[in-house]
N, C-alpha and C. Protein backbone atom coordinates (compact mmCIF):
# COMPACT_ATOMS: atom_id res chain seq x y z
N MET A 1 77.53 111.99 78.42
CA MET A 1 78.69 111.56 79.16
C MET A 1 79.92 112.21 78.54
N LYS A 2 80.72 112.86 79.38
CA LYS A 2 81.93 113.53 78.93
C LYS A 2 83.14 112.88 79.58
N SER A 3 84.30 113.13 78.99
CA SER A 3 85.54 112.62 79.57
C SER A 3 85.99 113.53 80.71
N TYR A 4 86.65 112.92 81.69
CA TYR A 4 87.08 113.61 82.90
C TYR A 4 88.50 113.16 83.20
N GLU A 5 89.32 114.04 83.79
CA GLU A 5 90.71 113.68 84.05
C GLU A 5 91.17 114.09 85.44
N PHE A 6 92.10 113.30 85.94
CA PHE A 6 92.80 113.59 87.18
C PHE A 6 94.28 113.73 86.83
N PHE A 7 94.85 114.90 87.13
CA PHE A 7 96.27 115.13 86.93
C PHE A 7 96.95 114.82 88.26
N ILE A 8 97.91 113.89 88.24
CA ILE A 8 98.42 113.29 89.47
C ILE A 8 99.93 113.36 89.56
N GLN A 9 100.41 113.58 90.79
CA GLN A 9 101.84 113.50 91.13
C GLN A 9 102.04 112.24 91.96
N THR A 10 103.00 111.43 91.57
CA THR A 10 103.34 110.23 92.32
C THR A 10 104.85 110.00 92.20
N ARG A 11 105.32 108.92 92.77
CA ARG A 11 106.73 108.57 92.59
C ARG A 11 106.85 107.78 91.29
N LYS A 12 107.97 107.97 90.59
CA LYS A 12 108.11 107.28 89.31
C LYS A 12 108.03 105.77 89.46
N GLU A 13 108.49 105.24 90.59
CA GLU A 13 108.44 103.79 90.79
C GLU A 13 107.02 103.28 91.06
N ASP A 14 106.06 104.16 91.30
CA ASP A 14 104.68 103.76 91.55
C ASP A 14 103.79 103.81 90.31
N ILE A 15 104.28 104.37 89.22
CA ILE A 15 103.46 104.55 88.03
C ILE A 15 102.94 103.22 87.50
N ASP A 16 103.80 102.23 87.38
CA ASP A 16 103.39 100.93 86.84
C ASP A 16 102.33 100.28 87.72
N PHE A 17 102.51 100.35 89.04
CA PHE A 17 101.54 99.77 89.96
C PHE A 17 100.17 100.44 89.80
N ILE A 18 100.16 101.77 89.76
CA ILE A 18 98.91 102.52 89.59
C ILE A 18 98.25 102.12 88.27
N ASN A 19 99.04 102.02 87.21
CA ASN A 19 98.50 101.62 85.91
C ASN A 19 97.87 100.23 85.98
N LYS A 20 98.53 99.29 86.61
CA LYS A 20 98.01 97.93 86.70
C LYS A 20 96.70 97.88 87.52
N ILE A 21 96.63 98.66 88.59
CA ILE A 21 95.41 98.71 89.38
C ILE A 21 94.26 99.27 88.55
N MET A 22 94.52 100.36 87.82
CA MET A 22 93.46 100.94 86.99
C MET A 22 93.04 99.98 85.87
N GLU A 23 94.00 99.24 85.31
CA GLU A 23 93.66 98.25 84.29
C GLU A 23 92.77 97.15 84.87
N ALA A 24 93.00 96.79 86.12
CA ALA A 24 92.20 95.74 86.77
C ALA A 24 90.73 96.16 86.91
N TYR A 25 90.49 97.46 87.05
CA TYR A 25 89.12 97.98 87.08
C TYR A 25 88.71 98.31 85.65
N GLU A 26 88.54 97.29 84.84
CA GLU A 26 88.28 97.45 83.41
C GLU A 26 87.21 98.50 83.13
N GLY A 27 87.59 99.49 82.32
CA GLY A 27 86.63 100.49 81.88
C GLY A 27 86.48 101.70 82.79
N ILE A 28 87.13 101.69 83.96
CA ILE A 28 87.00 102.83 84.88
C ILE A 28 87.89 103.99 84.46
N GLY A 29 89.11 103.69 84.04
CA GLY A 29 90.01 104.77 83.67
C GLY A 29 91.24 104.27 82.95
N VAL A 30 91.91 105.20 82.27
CA VAL A 30 93.12 104.92 81.52
C VAL A 30 94.22 105.82 82.06
N VAL A 31 95.40 105.24 82.29
CA VAL A 31 96.53 106.01 82.80
C VAL A 31 97.40 106.45 81.64
N ARG A 32 97.75 107.71 81.62
CA ARG A 32 98.69 108.26 80.65
C ARG A 32 99.85 108.86 81.44
N THR A 33 101.06 108.50 81.05
CA THR A 33 102.25 109.03 81.73
C THR A 33 102.68 110.30 81.01
N ASN A 34 102.66 111.41 81.74
CA ASN A 34 103.06 112.70 81.17
C ASN A 34 104.56 112.92 81.26
N ASP A 35 105.14 112.63 82.43
CA ASP A 35 106.57 112.78 82.66
C ASP A 35 107.00 111.72 83.66
N PRO A 36 107.55 110.61 83.17
CA PRO A 36 107.88 109.51 84.08
C PRO A 36 108.96 109.87 85.11
N LYS A 37 109.89 110.70 84.75
CA LYS A 37 110.96 111.08 85.69
C LYS A 37 110.42 111.90 86.85
N LYS A 38 109.42 112.72 86.59
CA LYS A 38 108.82 113.54 87.64
C LYS A 38 107.62 112.87 88.31
N GLY A 39 107.18 111.72 87.77
CA GLY A 39 106.04 111.02 88.34
C GLY A 39 104.71 111.69 88.06
N LEU A 40 104.59 112.35 86.92
CA LEU A 40 103.35 113.04 86.55
C LEU A 40 102.54 112.16 85.61
N ILE A 41 101.32 111.86 86.01
CA ILE A 41 100.43 111.04 85.20
C ILE A 41 99.05 111.68 85.13
N THR A 42 98.28 111.22 84.17
CA THR A 42 96.88 111.61 84.05
C THR A 42 96.04 110.35 84.02
N ILE A 43 94.97 110.33 84.78
CA ILE A 43 94.01 109.24 84.69
C ILE A 43 92.76 109.82 84.03
N ILE A 44 92.42 109.26 82.87
CA ILE A 44 91.27 109.74 82.10
C ILE A 44 90.12 108.75 82.31
N THR A 45 88.97 109.28 82.62
CA THR A 45 87.78 108.48 82.87
C THR A 45 86.60 109.20 82.23
N THR A 46 85.41 108.90 82.66
CA THR A 46 84.23 109.63 82.20
C THR A 46 83.56 110.26 83.40
N THR A 47 82.66 111.19 83.13
CA THR A 47 81.95 111.84 84.24
C THR A 47 81.11 110.82 85.01
N ASP A 48 80.67 109.76 84.33
CA ASP A 48 79.90 108.71 85.01
C ASP A 48 80.74 107.94 86.03
N PHE A 49 82.03 107.79 85.75
CA PHE A 49 82.91 107.00 86.61
C PHE A 49 83.88 107.83 87.44
N LYS A 50 83.79 109.15 87.39
CA LYS A 50 84.77 109.99 88.07
C LYS A 50 84.80 109.76 89.58
N ASP A 51 83.65 109.54 90.21
CA ASP A 51 83.63 109.33 91.66
C ASP A 51 84.28 108.00 92.03
N ILE A 52 84.03 106.96 91.24
CA ILE A 52 84.66 105.66 91.49
C ILE A 52 86.17 105.77 91.28
N ALA A 53 86.58 106.43 90.20
CA ALA A 53 88.00 106.60 89.93
C ALA A 53 88.68 107.36 91.07
N LYS A 54 88.03 108.40 91.57
CA LYS A 54 88.61 109.17 92.66
C LYS A 54 88.73 108.32 93.92
N GLU A 55 87.74 107.49 94.20
CA GLU A 55 87.83 106.58 95.35
C GLU A 55 89.02 105.65 95.23
N ILE A 56 89.25 105.13 94.03
CA ILE A 56 90.40 104.25 93.80
C ILE A 56 91.70 105.01 94.04
N ILE A 57 91.80 106.21 93.49
CA ILE A 57 93.01 107.02 93.65
C ILE A 57 93.26 107.32 95.12
N LEU A 58 92.23 107.74 95.84
CA LEU A 58 92.39 108.07 97.26
C LEU A 58 92.77 106.83 98.07
N ASP A 59 92.17 105.67 97.75
CA ASP A 59 92.52 104.44 98.44
C ASP A 59 93.98 104.06 98.18
N LEU A 60 94.41 104.21 96.95
CA LEU A 60 95.82 103.94 96.65
C LEU A 60 96.73 104.80 97.50
N GLY A 61 96.39 106.08 97.62
CA GLY A 61 97.20 107.01 98.41
C GLY A 61 97.19 106.72 99.90
N GLU A 62 96.07 106.25 100.40
CA GLU A 62 95.97 105.97 101.83
C GLU A 62 96.65 104.66 102.21
N ASN A 63 96.75 103.73 101.27
CA ASN A 63 97.19 102.38 101.63
C ASN A 63 98.42 101.84 100.90
N TYR A 64 98.76 102.38 99.73
CA TYR A 64 99.77 101.68 98.92
C TYR A 64 100.89 102.55 98.35
N VAL A 65 100.59 103.73 97.87
CA VAL A 65 101.59 104.54 97.16
C VAL A 65 101.48 106.00 97.58
N GLU A 66 102.50 106.75 97.22
CA GLU A 66 102.41 108.21 97.38
C GLU A 66 101.71 108.74 96.13
N ILE A 67 100.62 109.43 96.36
CA ILE A 67 99.84 109.94 95.22
C ILE A 67 99.12 111.21 95.65
N GLU A 68 99.14 112.19 94.77
CA GLU A 68 98.45 113.46 95.06
C GLU A 68 97.72 113.92 93.80
N ILE A 69 96.45 114.23 93.95
CA ILE A 69 95.69 114.79 92.84
C ILE A 69 96.03 116.28 92.77
N LEU A 70 96.70 116.68 91.71
CA LEU A 70 97.08 118.08 91.54
C LEU A 70 95.93 118.91 90.99
N SER A 71 95.15 118.29 90.10
CA SER A 71 93.96 118.96 89.56
C SER A 71 93.05 117.90 88.97
N GLU A 72 91.80 118.27 88.80
CA GLU A 72 90.83 117.39 88.17
C GLU A 72 89.78 118.24 87.48
N GLY A 73 89.18 117.67 86.47
CA GLY A 73 88.12 118.38 85.75
C GLY A 73 87.86 117.73 84.42
N LEU A 74 87.02 118.36 83.63
CA LEU A 74 86.72 117.82 82.31
C LEU A 74 88.02 117.67 81.51
N TRP A 75 88.11 116.58 80.78
CA TRP A 75 89.31 116.26 80.02
C TRP A 75 89.61 117.35 79.01
N ASN A 76 90.88 117.78 78.96
CA ASN A 76 91.25 118.87 78.04
C ASN A 76 91.60 118.38 76.65
N GLY A 77 91.54 117.07 76.43
CA GLY A 77 91.79 116.53 75.08
C GLY A 77 93.21 116.12 74.81
N ASN A 78 94.13 116.35 75.73
CA ASN A 78 95.52 115.97 75.52
C ASN A 78 95.74 114.51 75.90
N LEU A 79 96.49 113.81 75.04
CA LEU A 79 96.86 112.43 75.35
C LEU A 79 98.31 112.35 75.73
């Protein structure tokens, strides 16, 4: 099992909501804020949970917040 990441663009006012939703899915992913002013975040998960994490991200974008996956892939090790 390897770590996997989603690099995401959202609105700065949505970062806290996204973080709380990911926290509610205990163990699925961790949100790291890269640039709060620009709304850039990373969600780090594992390869085992990447499909579930992506479903959550896409559902958030379809129903609750502005969110765009800019890139995804194996975690590059940056926190």
